[in-house]
C-alpha cells in the first residue's frame, strides 16, 4: 500500500497558519491584560497631604504591584510559544529528508546565469524544465561556479542552496493541473543575478513521456 505523502508546501502553510493563530491569541490576551492594568492603575492626582513618590525605571507605585499577574502572563506566553516551536520539529525533519516515495529525480546544476536540468535517462535541458502533473519530484542541486539558491516561488518553501562541491536535495509535488512555474535564484550571484530565471512546464503524464523520449 502506497504511503500517504504530504507535500512540503502544505506543511509550510499549516505551520504558518498555526503560528498566525497563536500570535492572534497571544496578542489578544496580552492586549487585554495591558488594557486592564492601564485602566485599573491609571495615574491619579496626588492629594496635598500625601508625600510625592518618585519612581525609577522598573518600579511601580506602592500598592500597585501585581507580580502574580505578570507571572501568569509569562507562563501563558511561554506555553503557547513552546508548543508552536515543538510542532515544527517533526515537520522540518519530514521536509528535509528524502520523500517517502520518489517518482522522478532531477539533477540541477546552477551556473552564471542559468540552470541545467538532467533527467534520469541522461537527457539535459537548459532553463526550461518539463515535469508531469501530480508527481513527487526530488531535485539534486549543485553549483558549477559560485553560490546560488534554487527556488520555485509558486511552491511554498521550495528553496535550497546550490553550492559548488556540495549536493543538496529538495522535493516537491507538482500541481495536479498543467501550468507553468518559475525557477529563480535567491542568492546574489553576480551582475546577471536578476536574469537567472528558468521555467517549469507542468504537463500531462503522456505529454511528459513523449518529451522525455524525444531527442
Foldseek 3Di string as FASTA:
>chain_A
DDDDFDFLLVVVVVLVVLVVVLCVVLVVVVVVVVVVLCVVCPDDDDDPVDDDDDDDPPDDDPPSDDVVVVVVSVVVNVVSVVVSVVVCVVSVVQQQDDTPDAPFEWEWEQEVAWIWIAGPVGDIDIQEAEAEAFGKYKYWAAYDDAKWKKAWVVRPPGIGIHYHPDIGMGIGTHHNDWDKTKIATPDPDDPCRVVHMGMYTYHHPVVVVVVVPDD
